[in-house]
Amino acid sequence: MDIINYIFVLASVVLGAYGWLAPQYTLETLDLEAGPTGMGQSEIRASAGALFIGMGLGALIIGSPAAYAMLGFCWLGASIGRATSLVLDGQSRKKWTFFGVEAVVGLGALALNLPLAM
């Protein structure tokens, strides 16, 4: 169980590091463009970067099933946003891939930890 939780943390931190430290790469991967004010890079560094690092490291530091379950809720929330986009904004292979990763991490972390947290 601990190894799987560590994999969820690693996924959060590694993917977050891309957003935080390589915002232009992340923007391009997500088919986004930065504007002249720099807010695009700032938003990617914050919401697709350091936020995920904080979630992962927070779960690791706290180390309780509730903390790992909360990590799952965060990833599941992202998958719900992605599913909404698939329905309302159109479908693409990239969106389905991101949705799959988000749903697997979210549901996996919840299935593994939520029963122990309650």
PDB file of N, CA and C in Angstrom:
ATOM      1  N   MET A   1       0.824  -1.186   0.000  1.00  0.00           N
ATOM      2  CA  MET A   1       0.000   0.000   0.000  1.00  0.00           C
ATOM      3  C   MET A   1       0.867   1.248   0.000  1.00  0.00           C
ATOM      4  N   ASP A   2       1.897   1.279   0.831  1.00  0.00           N
ATOM      5  CA  ASP A   2       2.762   2.462   0.879  1.00  0.00           C
ATOM      6  C   ASP A   2       3.413   2.728  -0.467  1.00  0.00           C
ATOM      7  N   ILE A   3       3.834   1.669  -1.151  1.00  0.00           N
ATOM      8  CA  ILE A   3       4.499   1.852  -2.440  1.00  0.00           C
ATOM      9  C   ILE A   3       3.545   2.504  -3.440  1.00  0.00           C
ATOM     10  N   ILE A   4       2.309   2.081  -3.464  1.00  0.00           N
ATOM     11  CA  ILE A   4       1.349   2.670  -4.393  1.00  0.00           C
ATOM     12  C   ILE A   4       1.110   4.137  -4.051  1.00  0.00           C
ATOM     13  N   ASN A   5       0.985   4.458  -2.762  1.00  0.00           N
ATOM     14  CA  ASN A   5       0.824   5.856  -2.363  1.00  0.00           C
ATOM     15  C   ASN A   5       2.039   6.672  -2.778  1.00  0.00           C
ATOM     16  N   TYR A   6       3.223   6.109  -2.653  1.00  0.00           N
ATOM     17  CA  TYR A   6       4.436   6.817  -3.069  1.00  0.00           C
ATOM     18  C   TYR A   6       4.430   7.062  -4.577  1.00  0.00           C
ATOM     19  N   ILE A   7       3.869   6.125  -5.341  1.00  0.00           N
ATOM     20  CA  ILE A   7       3.759   6.312  -6.794  1.00  0.00           C
ATOM     21  C   ILE A   7       2.812   7.477  -7.097  1.00  0.00           C
ATOM     22  N   PHE A   8       1.710   7.566  -6.350  1.00  0.00           N
ATOM     23  CA  PHE A   8       0.781   8.690  -6.533  1.00  0.00           C
ATOM     24  C   PHE A   8       1.461  10.018  -6.188  1.00  0.00           C
ATOM     25  N   VAL A   9       2.253  10.014  -5.121  1.00  0.00           N
ATOM     26  CA  VAL A   9       3.003  11.219  -4.746  1.00  0.00           C
ATOM     27  C   VAL A   9       4.009  11.558  -5.838  1.00  0.00           C
ATOM     28  N   LEU A  10       4.726  10.565  -6.316  1.00  0.00           N
ATOM     29  CA  LEU A  10       5.725  10.783  -7.355  1.00  0.00           C
ATOM     30  C   LEU A  10       5.079  11.352  -8.621  1.00  0.00           C
ATOM     31  N   ALA A  11       3.925  10.821  -9.005  1.00  0.00           N
ATOM     32  CA  ALA A  11       3.217  11.341 -10.172  1.00  0.00           C
ATOM     33  C   ALA A  11       2.872  12.811  -9.968  1.00  0.00           C
ATOM     34  N   SER A  12       2.395  13.148  -8.774  1.00  0.00           N
ATOM     35  CA  SER A  12       2.034  14.539  -8.480  1.00  0.00           C
ATOM     36  C   SER A  12       3.247  15.455  -8.551  1.00  0.00           C
ATOM     37  N   VAL A  13       4.326  15.042  -7.924  1.00  0.00           N
ATOM     38  CA  VAL A  13       5.519  15.892  -7.843  1.00  0.00           C
ATOM     39  C   VAL A  13       6.209  16.011  -9.200  1.00  0.00           C
ATOM     40  N   VAL A  14       6.354  14.919  -9.915  1.00  0.00           N
ATOM     41  CA  VAL A  14       7.044  14.965 -11.213  1.00  0.00           C
ATOM     42  C   VAL A  14       6.239  15.780 -12.230  1.00  0.00           C
ATOM     43  N   LEU A  15       4.952  15.505 -12.336  1.00  0.00           N
ATOM     44  CA  LEU A  15       4.144  16.281 -13.277  1.00  0.00           C
ATOM     45  C   LEU A  15       4.058  17.741 -12.850  1.00  0.00           C
ATOM     46  N   GLY A  16       3.981  17.982 -11.547  1.00  0.00           N
ATOM     47  CA  GLY A  16       3.980  19.349 -11.049  1.00  0.00           C
ATOM     48  C   GLY A  16       5.282  20.075 -11.352  1.00  0.00           C
ATOM     49  N   ALA A  17       6.392  19.353 -11.292  1.00  0.00           N
ATOM     50  CA  ALA A  17       7.691  19.971 -11.569  1.00  0.00           C
ATOM     51  C   ALA A  17       7.759  20.489 -13.002  1.00  0.00           C
ATOM     52  N   TYR A  18       7.147  19.752 -13.931  1.00  0.00           N
ATOM     53  CA  TYR A  18       7.120  20.237 -15.311  1.00  0.00           C
ATOM     54  C   TYR A  18       6.385  21.574 -15.395  1.00  0.00           C
ATOM     55  N   GLY A  19       5.216  21.650 -14.766  1.00  0.00           N
ATOM     56  CA  GLY A  19       4.459  22.892 -14.807  1.00  0.00           C
ATOM     57  C   GLY A  19       5.179  24.038 -14.132  1.00  0.00           C
ATOM     58  N   TRP A  20       5.804  23.737 -13.017  1.00  0.00           N
ATOM     59  CA  TRP A  20       6.475  24.769 -12.231  1.00  0.00           C
ATOM     60  C   TRP A  20       7.755  25.266 -12.892  1.00  0.00           C
ATOM     61  N   LEU A  21       8.592  24.316 -13.333  1.00  0.00           N
ATOM     62  CA  LEU A  21       9.927  24.665 -13.813  1.00  0.00           C
ATOM     63  C   LEU A  21      10.040  24.765 -15.336  1.00  0.00           C
ATOM     64  N   ALA A  22       9.069  24.230 -16.050  1.00  0.00           N
ATOM     65  CA  ALA A  22       9.083  24.289 -17.518  1.00  0.00           C
ATOM     66  C   ALA A  22       7.713  24.733 -18.015  1.00  0.00           C
ATOM     67  N   PRO A  23       7.310  25.955 -17.662  1.00  0.00           N
ATOM     68  CA  PRO A  23       5.951  26.375 -18.026  1.00  0.00           C
ATOM     69  C   PRO A  23       5.733  26.471 -19.534  1.00  0.00           C
ATOM     70  N   GLN A  24       6.743  26.856 -20.295  1.00  0.00           N
ATOM     71  CA  GLN A  24       6.557  26.958 -21.745  1.00  0.00           C
ATOM     72  C   GLN A  24       6.310  25.581 -22.347  1.00  0.00           C
ATOM     73  N   TYR A  25       7.065  24.579 -21.896  1.00  0.00           N
ATOM     74  CA  TYR A  25       6.850  23.202 -22.351  1.00  0.00           C
ATOM     75  C   TYR A  25       5.441  22.749 -21.998  1.00  0.00           C
ATOM     76  N   THR A  26       5.007  23.059 -20.779  1.00  0.00           N
ATOM     77  CA  THR A  26       3.677  22.666 -20.319  1.00  0.00           C
ATOM     78  C   THR A  26       2.603  23.374 -21.134  1.00  0.00           C
ATOM     79  N   LEU A  27       2.787  24.658 -21.380  1.00  0.00           N
ATOM     80  CA  LEU A  27       1.834  25.394 -22.215  1.00  0.00           C
ATOM     81  C   LEU A  27       1.700  24.738 -23.591  1.00  0.00           C
ATOM     82  N   GLU A  28       2.817  24.392 -24.198  1.00  0.00           N
ATOM     83  CA  GLU A  28       2.793  23.766 -25.520  1.00  0.00           C
ATOM     84  C   GLU A  28       2.134  22.392 -25.465  1.00  0.00           C
ATOM     85  N   THR A  29       2.434  21.617 -24.423  1.00  0.00           N
ATOM     86  CA  THR A  29       1.841  20.288 -24.275  1.00  0.00           C
ATOM     87  C   THR A  29       0.326  20.377 -24.140  1.00  0.00           C
ATOM     88  N   LEU A  30      -0.136  21.421 -23.469  1.00  0.00           N
ATOM     89  CA  LEU A  30      -1.570  21.605 -23.237  1.00  0.00           C
ATOM     90  C   LEU A  30      -2.243  22.433 -24.335  1.00  0.00           C
ATOM     91  N   ASP A  31      -1.518  22.701 -25.409  1.00  0.00           N
ATOM     92  CA  ASP A  31      -2.043  23.496 -26.531  1.00  0.00           C
ATOM     93  C   ASP A  31      -2.498  24.881 -26.081  1.00  0.00           C
ATOM     94  N   LEU A  32      -1.713  25.510 -25.216  1.00  0.00           N
ATOM     95  CA  LEU A  32      -2.007  26.851 -24.726  1.00  0.00           C
ATOM     96  C   LEU A  32      -0.927  27.812 -25.207  1.00  0.00           C
ATOM     97  N   GLU A  33      -1.244  29.099 -25.178  1.00  0.00           N
ATOM     98  CA  GLU A  33      -0.277  30.116 -25.557  1.00  0.00           C
ATOM     99  C   GLU A  33      -0.152  31.135 -24.439  1.00  0.00           C
ATOM    100  N   ALA A  34       1.057  31.573 -24.201  1.00  0.00           N
ATOM    101  CA  ALA A  34       1.294  32.613 -23.204  1.00  0.00           C
ATOM    102  C   ALA A  34       0.970  33.972 -23.805  1.00  0.00           C
ATOM    103  N   GLY A  35       0.408  34.829 -22.999  1.00  0.00           N
ATOM    104  CA  GLY A  35       0.106  36.188 -23.442  1.00  0.00           C
ATOM    105  C   GLY A  35       1.228  37.142 -23.086  1.00  0.00           C
ATOM    106  N   PRO A  36       1.096  38.391 -23.426  1.00  0.00           N
ATOM    107  CA  PRO A  36       2.168  39.374 -23.232  1.00  0.00           C
ATOM    108  C   PRO A  36       2.425  39.744 -21.771  1.00  0.00           C
ATOM    109  N   THR A  37       1.479  39.482 -20.882  1.00  0.00           N
ATOM    110  CA  THR A  37       1.658  39.896 -19.481  1.00  0.00           C
ATOM    111  C   THR A  37       2.437  38.891 -18.652  1.00  0.00           C
ATOM    112  N   GLY A  38       2.643  37.696 -19.155  1.00  0.00           N
ATOM    113  CA  GLY A  38       3.321  36.660 -18.372  1.00  0.00           C
ATOM    114  C   GLY A  38       2.387  35.902 -17.444  1.00  0.00           C
ATOM    115  N   MET A  39       1.097  36.241 -17.463  1.00  0.00           N
ATOM    116  CA  MET A  39       0.151  35.546 -16.591  1.00  0.00           C
ATOM    117  C   MET A  39      -0.040  34.091 -16.999  1.00  0.00           C
ATOM    118  N   GLY A  40       0.137  33.776 -18.273  1.00  0.00           N
ATOM    119  CA  GLY A  40       0.008  32.388 -18.713  1.00  0.00           C
ATOM    120  C   GLY A  40       1.035  31.501 -18.025  1.00  0.00           C
ATOM    121  N   GLN A  41       2.290  31.932 -18.075  1.00  0.00           N
ATOM    122  CA  GLN A  41       3.343  31.169 -17.406  1.00  0.00           C
ATOM    123  C   GLN A  41       3.103  31.135 -15.898  1.00  0.00           C
ATOM    124  N   SER A  42       2.677  32.244 -15.345  1.00  0.00           N
ATOM    125  CA  SER A  42       2.421  32.318 -13.911  1.00  0.00           C
ATOM    126  C   SER A  42       1.326  31.330 -13.494  1.00  0.00           C
ATOM    127  N   GLU A  43       0.262  31.281 -14.278  1.00  0.00           N
ATOM    128  CA  GLU A  43      -0.848  30.375 -13.950  1.00  0.00           C
ATOM    129  C   GLU A  43      -0.418  28.920 -14.069  1.00  0.00           C
ATOM    130  N   ILE A  44       0.349  28.601 -15.100  1.00  0.00           N
ATOM    131  CA  ILE A  44       0.845  27.227 -15.257  1.00  0.00           C
ATOM    132  C   ILE A  44       1.771  26.866 -14.106  1.00  0.00           C
ATOM    133  N   ARG A  45       2.702  27.754 -13.747  1.00  0.00           N
ATOM    134  CA  ARG A  45       3.613  27.482 -12.626  1.00  0.00           C
ATOM    135  C   ARG A  45       2.826  27.218 -11.342  1.00  0.00           C
ATOM    136  N   ALA A  46       1.727  27.972 -11.152  1.00  0.00           N
ATOM    137  CA  ALA A  46       0.945  27.837  -9.920  1.00  0.00           C
ATOM    138  C   ALA A  46      -0.008  26.645  -9.977  1.00  0.00           C
ATOM    139  N   SER A  47      -0.911  26.635 -10.959  1.00  0.00           N
ATOM    140  CA  SER A  47      -2.005  25.660 -10.939  1.00  0.00           C
ATOM    141  C   SER A  47      -1.647  24.295 -11.503  1.00  0.00           C
ATOM    142  N   ALA A  48      -0.755  24.234 -12.474  1.00  0.00           N
ATOM    143  CA  ALA A  48      -0.350  22.947 -13.035  1.00  0.00           C
ATOM    144  C   ALA A  48       1.030  22.542 -12.539  1.00  0.00           C
ATOM    145  N   GLY A  49       1.599  23.359 -11.680  1.00  0.00           N
ATOM    146  CA  GLY A  49       2.950  23.090 -11.205  1.00  0.00           C
ATOM    147  C   GLY A  49       3.047  22.940  -9.706  1.00  0.00           C
ATOM    148  N   ALA A  50       3.333  24.043  -9.051  1.00  0.00           N
ATOM    149  CA  ALA A  50       3.616  24.012  -7.620  1.00  0.00           C
ATOM    150  C   ALA A  50       2.439  23.488  -6.801  1.00  0.00           C
ATOM    151  N   LEU A  51       1.214  23.702  -7.257  1.00  0.00           N
ATOM    152  CA  LEU A  51       0.050  23.160  -6.554  1.00  0.00           C
ATOM    153  C   LEU A  51       0.150  21.643  -6.445  1.00  0.00           C
ATOM    154  N   PHE A  52       0.500  20.979  -7.547  1.00  0.00           N
ATOM    155  CA  PHE A  52       0.612  19.525  -7.531  1.00  0.00           C
ATOM    156  C   PHE A  52       1.809  19.060  -6.699  1.00  0.00           C
ATOM    157  N   ILE A  53       2.870  19.826  -6.710  1.00  0.00           N
ATOM    158  CA  ILE A  53       4.009  19.493  -5.855  1.00  0.00           C
ATOM    159  C   ILE A  53       3.596  19.590  -4.389  1.00  0.00           C
ATOM    160  N   GLY A  54       2.910  20.668  -4.036  1.00  0.00           N
ATOM    161  CA  GLY A  54       2.446  20.834  -2.662  1.00  0.00           C
ATOM    162  C   GLY A  54       1.491  19.736  -2.233  1.00  0.00           C
ATOM    163  N   MET A  55       0.587  19.343  -3.131  1.00  0.00           N
ATOM    164  CA  MET A  55      -0.344  18.255  -2.810  1.00  0.00           C
ATOM    165  C   MET A  55       0.413  16.963  -2.524  1.00  0.00           C
ATOM    166  N   GLY A  56       1.344  16.633  -3.397  1.00  0.00           N
ATOM    167  CA  GLY A  56       2.085  15.386  -3.234  1.00  0.00           C
ATOM    168  C   GLY A  56       2.967  15.381  -2.007  1.00  0.00           C
ATOM    169  N   LEU A  57       3.735  16.453  -1.828  1.00  0.00           N
ATOM    170  CA  LEU A  57       4.625  16.505  -0.658  1.00  0.00           C
ATOM    171  C   LEU A  57       3.838  16.608   0.636  1.00  0.00           C
ATOM    172  N   GLY A  58       2.719  17.314   0.612  1.00  0.00           N
ATOM    173  CA  GLY A  58       1.868  17.397   1.798  1.00  0.00           C
ATOM    174  C   GLY A  58       1.363  16.030   2.208  1.00  0.00           C
ATOM    175  N   ALA A  59       0.883  15.250   1.256  1.00  0.00           N
ATOM    176  CA  ALA A  59       0.421  13.896   1.564  1.00  0.00           C
ATOM    177  C   ALA A  59       1.562  13.045   2.113  1.00  0.00           C
ATOM    178  N   LEU A  60       2.736  13.185   1.516  1.00  0.00           N
ATOM    179  CA  LEU A  60       3.894  12.415   1.969  1.00  0.00           C
ATOM    180  C   LEU A  60       4.306  12.802   3.389  1.00  0.00           C
ATOM    181  N   ILE A  61       4.338  14.090   3.675  1.00  0.00           N
ATOM    182  CA  ILE A  61       4.751  14.559   5.000  1.00  0.00           C
ATOM    183  C   ILE A  61       3.738  14.151   6.067  1.00  0.00           C
ATOM    184  N   ILE A  62       2.456  14.358   5.784  1.00  0.00           N
ATOM    185  CA  ILE A  62       1.432  13.968   6.758  1.00  0.00           C
ATOM    186  C   ILE A  62       1.387  12.456   6.882  1.00  0.00           C
ATOM    187  N   GLY A  63       1.421  11.775   5.749  1.00  0.00           N
ATOM    188  CA  GLY A  63       1.576  10.331   5.731  1.00  0.00           C
ATOM    189  C   GLY A  63       0.389   9.515   6.199  1.00  0.00           C
ATOM    190  N   SER A  64      -0.742  10.119   6.417  1.00  0.00           N
ATOM    191  CA  SER A  64      -1.910   9.374   6.895  1.00  0.00           C
ATOM    192  C   SER A  64      -2.788   8.963   5.719  1.00  0.00           C
ATOM    193  N   PRO A  65      -3.633   7.953   5.923  1.00  0.00           N
ATOM    194  CA  PRO A  65      -4.574   7.603   4.861  1.00  0.00           C
ATOM    195  C   PRO A  65      -5.452   8.788   4.444  1.00  0.00           C
ATOM    196  N   ALA A  66      -5.818   9.645   5.396  1.00  0.00           N
ATOM    197  CA  ALA A  66      -6.643  10.811   5.051  1.00  0.00           C
ATOM    198  C   ALA A  66      -5.882  11.748   4.113  1.00  0.00           C
ATOM    199  N   ALA A  67      -4.598  11.923   4.324  1.00  0.00           N
ATOM    200  CA  ALA A  67      -3.803  12.795   3.470  1.00  0.00           C
ATOM    201  C   ALA A  67      -3.698  12.221   2.061  1.00  0.00           C
ATOM    202  N   TYR A  68      -3.474  10.916   1.957  1.00  0.00           N
ATOM    203  CA  TYR A  68      -3.401  10.299   0.633  1.00  0.00           C
ATOM    204  C   TYR A  68      -4.773  10.275  -0.036  1.00  0.00           C
ATOM    205  N   ALA A  69      -5.844  10.139   0.743  1.00  0.00           N
ATOM    206  CA  ALA A  69      -7.190  10.218   0.182  1.00  0.00           C
ATOM    207  C   ALA A  69      -7.445  11.621  -0.370  1.00  0.00           C
ATOM    208  N   MET A  70      -7.002  12.645   0.351  1.00  0.00           N
ATOM    209  CA  MET A  70      -7.184  14.013  -0.135  1.00  0.00           C
ATOM    210  C   MET A  70      -6.442  14.215  -1.452  1.00  0.00           C
ATOM    211  N   LEU A  71      -5.266  13.618  -1.583  1.00  0.00           N
ATOM    212  CA  LEU A  71      -4.545  13.663  -2.857  1.00  0.00           C
ATOM    213  C   LEU A  71      -5.418  13.054  -3.955  1.00  0.00           C
ATOM    214  N   GLY A  72      -6.077  11.951  -3.624  1.00  0.00           N
ATOM    215  CA  GLY A  72      -6.985  11.317  -4.579  1.00  0.00           C
ATOM    216  C   GLY A  72      -8.152  12.216  -4.953  1.00  0.00           C
ATOM    217  N   PHE A  73      -8.724  12.911  -3.956  1.00  0.00           N
ATOM    218  CA  PHE A  73      -9.822  13.833  -4.255  1.00  0.00           C
ATOM    219  C   PHE A  73      -9.359  14.940  -5.209  1.00  0.00           C
ATOM    220  N   CYS A  74      -8.154  15.430  -5.014  1.00  0.00           N
ATOM    221  CA  CYS A  74      -7.631  16.486  -5.890  1.00  0.00           C
ATOM    222  C   CYS A  74      -7.503  15.987  -7.326  1.00  0.00           C
ATOM    223  N   TRP A  75      -6.907  14.821  -7.500  1.00  0.00           N
ATOM    224  CA  TRP A  75      -6.759  14.262  -8.844  1.00  0.00           C
ATOM    225  C   TRP A  75      -8.130  13.936  -9.440  1.00  0.00           C
ATOM    226  N   LEU A  76      -9.044  13.431  -8.630  1.00  0.00           N
ATOM    227  CA  LEU A  76     -10.372  13.133  -9.134  1.00  0.00           C
ATOM    228  C   LEU A  76     -11.081  14.410  -9.555  1.00  0.00           C
ATOM    229  N   GLY A  77     -10.885  15.480  -8.808  1.00  0.00           N
ATOM    230  CA  GLY A  77     -11.449  16.771  -9.194  1.00  0.00           C
ATOM    231  C   GLY A  77     -10.936  17.208 -10.558  1.00  0.00           C
ATOM    232  N   ALA A  78      -9.651  17.025 -10.788  1.00  0.00           N
ATOM    233  CA  ALA A  78      -9.089  17.358 -12.105  1.00  0.00           C
ATOM    234  C   ALA A  78      -9.737  16.510 -13.197  1.00  0.00           C
ATOM    235  N   SER A  79      -9.969  15.231 -12.903  1.00  0.00           N
ATOM    236  CA  SER A  79     -10.579  14.361 -13.915  1.00  0.00           C
ATOM    237  C   SER A  79     -12.022  14.772 -14.201  1.00  0.00           C
ATOM    238  N   ILE A  80     -12.723  15.289 -13.202  1.00  0.00           N
ATOM    239  CA  ILE A  80     -14.096  15.765 -13.424  1.00  0.00           C
ATOM    240  C   ILE A  80     -14.079  16.995 -14.334  1.00  0.00           C
ATOM    241  N   GLY A  81     -13.135  17.891 -14.091  1.00  0.00           N
ATOM    242  CA  GLY A  81     -12.986  19.041 -14.981  1.00  0.00           C
ATOM    243  C   GLY A  81     -12.655  18.611 -16.394  1.00  0.00           C
ATOM    244  N   ARG A  82     -11.804  17.618 -16.525  1.00  0.00           N
ATOM    245  CA  ARG A  82     -11.429  17.116 -17.853  1.00  0.00           C
ATOM    246  C   ARG A  82     -12.621  16.446 -18.530  1.00  0.00           C
ATOM    247  N   ALA A  83     -13.398  15.673 -17.777  1.00  0.00           N
ATOM    248  CA  ALA A  83     -14.583  15.019 -18.338  1.00  0.00           C
ATOM    249  C   ALA A  83     -15.588  16.060 -18.818  1.00  0.00           C
ATOM    250  N   THR A  84     -15.741  17.127 -18.049  1.00  0.00           N
ATOM    251  CA  THR A  84     -16.626  18.217 -18.461  1.00  0.00           C
ATOM    252  C   THR A  84     -16.162  18.794 -19.793  1.00  0.00           C
ATOM    253  N   SER A  85     -14.852  18.970 -19.937  1.00  0.00           N
ATOM    254  CA  SER A  85     -14.310  19.484 -21.191  1.00  0.00           C
ATOM    255  C   SER A  85     -14.548  18.517 -22.344  1.00  0.00           C
ATOM    256  N   LEU A  86     -14.415  17.233 -22.079  1.00  0.00           N
ATOM    257  CA  LEU A  86     -14.665  16.246 -23.132  1.00  0.00           C
ATOM    258  C   LEU A  86     -16.098  16.334 -23.644  1.00  0.00           C
ATOM    259  N   VAL A  87     -17.035  16.594 -22.748  1.00  0.00           N
ATOM    260  CA  VAL A  87     -18.444  16.680 -23.136  1.00  0.00           C
ATOM    261  C   VAL A  87     -18.762  18.026 -23.792  1.00  0.00           C
ATOM    262  N   LEU A  88     -18.298  19.107 -23.190  1.00  0.00           N
ATOM    263  CA  LEU A  88     -18.712  20.444 -23.629  1.00  0.00           C
ATOM    264  C   LEU A  88     -17.804  21.077 -24.679  1.00  0.00           C
ATOM    265  N   ASP A  89     -16.516  20.727 -24.680  1.00  0.00           N
ATOM    266  CA  ASP A  89     -15.554  21.411 -25.532  1.00  0.00           C
ATOM    267  C   ASP A  89     -15.043  20.558 -26.686  1.00  0.00           C
ATOM    268  N   GLY A  90     -15.434  19.311 -26.744  1.00  0.00           N
ATOM    269  CA  GLY A  90     -14.965  18.429 -27.800  1.00  0.00           C
ATOM    270  C   GLY A  90     -13.940  17.431 -27.292  1.00  0.00           C
ATOM    271  N   GLN A  91     -13.786  16.375 -28.055  1.00  0.00           N
ATOM    272  CA  GLN A  91     -12.910  15.285 -27.650  1.00  0.00           C
ATOM    273  C   GLN A  91     -11.631  15.269 -28.470  1.00  0.00           C
ATOM    274  N   SER A  92     -10.574  14.799 -27.821  1.00  0.00           N
ATOM    275  CA  SER A  92      -9.307  14.562 -28.503  1.00  0.00           C
ATOM    276  C   SER A  92      -8.587  13.449 -27.761  1.00  0.00           C
ATOM    277  N   ARG A  93      -7.657  12.850 -28.447  1.00  0.00           N
ATOM    278  CA  ARG A  93      -6.881  11.773 -27.826  1.00  0.00           C
ATOM    279  C   ARG A  93      -6.113  12.288 -26.612  1.00  0.00           C
ATOM    280  N   LYS A  94      -5.561  13.487 -26.721  1.00  0.00           N
ATOM    281  CA  LYS A  94      -4.795  14.070 -25.623  1.00  0.00           C
ATOM    282  C   LYS A  94      -5.676  14.274 -24.388  1.00  0.00           C
ATOM    283  N   LYS A  95      -6.889  14.795 -24.595  1.00  0.00           N
ATOM    284  CA  LYS A  95      -7.797  14.987 -23.468  1.00  0.00           C
ATOM    285  C   LYS A  95      -8.137  13.660 -22.807  1.00  0.00           C
ATOM    286  N   TRP A  96      -8.397  12.639 -23.603  1.00  0.00           N
ATOM    287  CA  TRP A  96      -8.717  11.323 -23.049  1.00  0.00           C
ATOM    288  C   TRP A  96      -7.532  10.757 -22.269  1.00  0.00           C
ATOM    289  N   THR A  97      -6.332  10.970 -22.756  1.00  0.00           N
ATOM    290  CA  THR A  97      -5.137  10.485 -22.054  1.00  0.00           C
ATOM    291  C   THR A  97      -4.994  11.165 -20.699  1.00  0.00           C
ATOM    292  N   PHE A  98      -5.113  12.489 -20.688  1.00  0.00           N
ATOM    293  CA  PHE A  98      -5.011  13.218 -19.424  1.00  0.00           C
ATOM    294  C   PHE A  98      -6.126  12.794 -18.469  1.00  0.00           C
ATOM    295  N   PHE A  99      -7.341  12.661 -19.006  1.00  0.00           N
ATOM    296  CA  PHE A  99      -8.464  12.211 -18.180  1.00  0.00           C
ATOM    297  C   PHE A  99      -8.157  10.846 -17.568  1.00  0.00           C
ATOM    298  N   GLY A 100      -7.632   9.933 -18.366  1.00  0.00           N
ATOM    299  CA  GLY A 100      -7.323   8.586 -17.862  1.00  0.00           C
ATOM    300  C   GLY A 100      -6.329   8.608 -16.719  1.00  0.00           C
ATOM    301  N   VAL A 101      -5.269   9.370 -16.874  1.00  0.00           N
ATOM    302  CA  VAL A 101      -4.258   9.464 -15.805  1.00  0.00           C
ATOM    303  C   VAL A 101      -4.875  10.069 -14.548  1.00  0.00           C
ATOM    304  N   GLU A 102      -5.603  11.158 -14.717  1.00  0.00           N
ATOM    305  CA  GLU A 102      -6.204  11.827 -13.555  1.00  0.00           C
ATOM    306  C   GLU A 102      -7.195  10.912 -12.842  1.00  0.00           C
ATOM    307  N   ALA A 103      -8.019  10.209 -13.607  1.00  0.00           N
ATOM    308  CA  ALA A 103      -9.011   9.321 -13.006  1.00  0.00           C
ATOM    309  C   ALA A 103      -8.360   8.130 -12.308  1.00  0.00           C
ATOM    310  N   VAL A 104      -7.344   7.551 -12.920  1.00  0.00           N
ATOM    311  CA  VAL A 104      -6.673   6.389 -12.308  1.00  0.00           C
ATOM    312  C   VAL A 104      -5.993   6.779 -10.996  1.00  0.00           C
ATOM    313  N   VAL A 105      -5.265   7.886 -11.005  1.00  0.00           N
ATOM    314  CA  VAL A 105      -4.600   8.319  -9.772  1.00  0.00           C
ATOM    315  C   VAL A 105      -5.649   8.692  -8.720  1.00  0.00           C
ATOM    316  N   GLY A 106      -6.661   9.458  -9.122  1.00  0.00           N
ATOM    317  CA  GLY A 106      -7.681   9.889  -8.169  1.00  0.00           C
ATOM    318  C   GLY A 106      -8.444   8.729  -7.567  1.00  0.00           C
ATOM    319  N   LEU A 107      -8.996   7.880  -8.416  1.00  0.00           N
ATOM    320  CA  LEU A 107      -9.771   6.747  -7.915  1.00  0.00           C
ATOM    321  C   LEU A 107      -8.895   5.743  -7.175  1.00  0.00           C
ATOM    322  N   GLY A 108      -7.669   5.560  -7.655  1.00  0.00           N
ATOM    323  CA  GLY A 108      -6.753   4.635  -6.986  1.00  0.00           C
ATOM    324  C   GLY A 108      -6.416   5.090  -5.582  1.00  0.00           C
ATOM    325  N   ALA A 109      -6.065   6.355  -5.446  1.00  0.00           N
ATOM    326  CA  ALA A 109      -5.719   6.881  -4.125  1.00  0.00           C
ATOM    327  C   ALA A 109      -6.921   6.834  -3.179  1.00  0.00           C
ATOM    328  N   LEU A 110      -8.103   7.114  -3.702  1.00  0.00           N
ATOM    329  CA  LEU A 110      -9.304   7.053  -2.865  1.00  0.00           C
ATOM    330  C   LEU A 110      -9.636   5.623  -2.466  1.00  0.00           C
ATOM    331  N   ALA A 111      -9.609   4.705  -3.421  1.00  0.00           N
ATOM    332  CA  ALA A 111      -9.940   3.309  -3.114  1.00  0.00           C
ATOM    333  C   ALA A 111      -8.988   2.729  -2.088  1.00  0.00           C
ATOM    334  N   LEU A 112      -7.748   3.093  -2.172  1.00  0.00           N
ATOM    335  CA  LEU A 112      -6.725   2.564  -1.273  1.00  0.00           C
ATOM    336  C   LEU A 112      -6.786   3.184   0.120  1.00  0.00           C
ATOM    337  N   ASN A 113      -7.130   4.455   0.199  1.00  0.00           N
ATOM    338  CA  ASN A 113      -6.961   5.187   1.458  1.00  0.00           C
ATOM    339  C   ASN A 113      -8.233   5.629   2.148  1.00  0.00           C
ATOM    340  N   LEU A 114      -9.289   5.904   1.398  1.00  0.00           N
ATOM    341  CA  LEU A 114     -10.497   6.441   2.027  1.00  0.00           C
ATOM    342  C   LEU A 114     -11.104   5.493   3.067  1.00  0.00           C
ATOM    343  N   PRO A 115     -11.168   4.187   2.794  1.00  0.00           N
ATOM    344  CA  PRO A 115     -11.715   3.303   3.837  1.00  0.00           C
ATOM    345  C   PRO A 115     -10.903   3.343   5.140  1.00  0.00           C
ATOM    346  N   LEU A 116      -9.602   3.543   5.038  1.00  0.00           N
ATOM    347  CA  LEU A 116      -8.749   3.590   6.223  1.00  0.00           C
ATOM    348  C   LEU A 116      -8.828   4.939   6.941  1.00  0.00           C
ATOM    349  N   ALA A 117      -9.237   5.961   6.218  1.00  0.00           N
ATOM    350  CA  ALA A 117      -9.292   7.310   6.776  1.00  0.00           C
ATOM    351  C   ALA A 117     -10.582   7.556   7.548  1.00  0.00           C
ATOM    352  N   MET A 118     -11.564   6.704   7.349  1.00  0.00           N
ATOM    353  CA  MET A 118     -12.873   6.953   7.970  1.00  0.00           C
ATOM    354  C   MET A 118     -13.036   6.202   9.267  1.00  0.00           C
TER     355      MET A 118
END
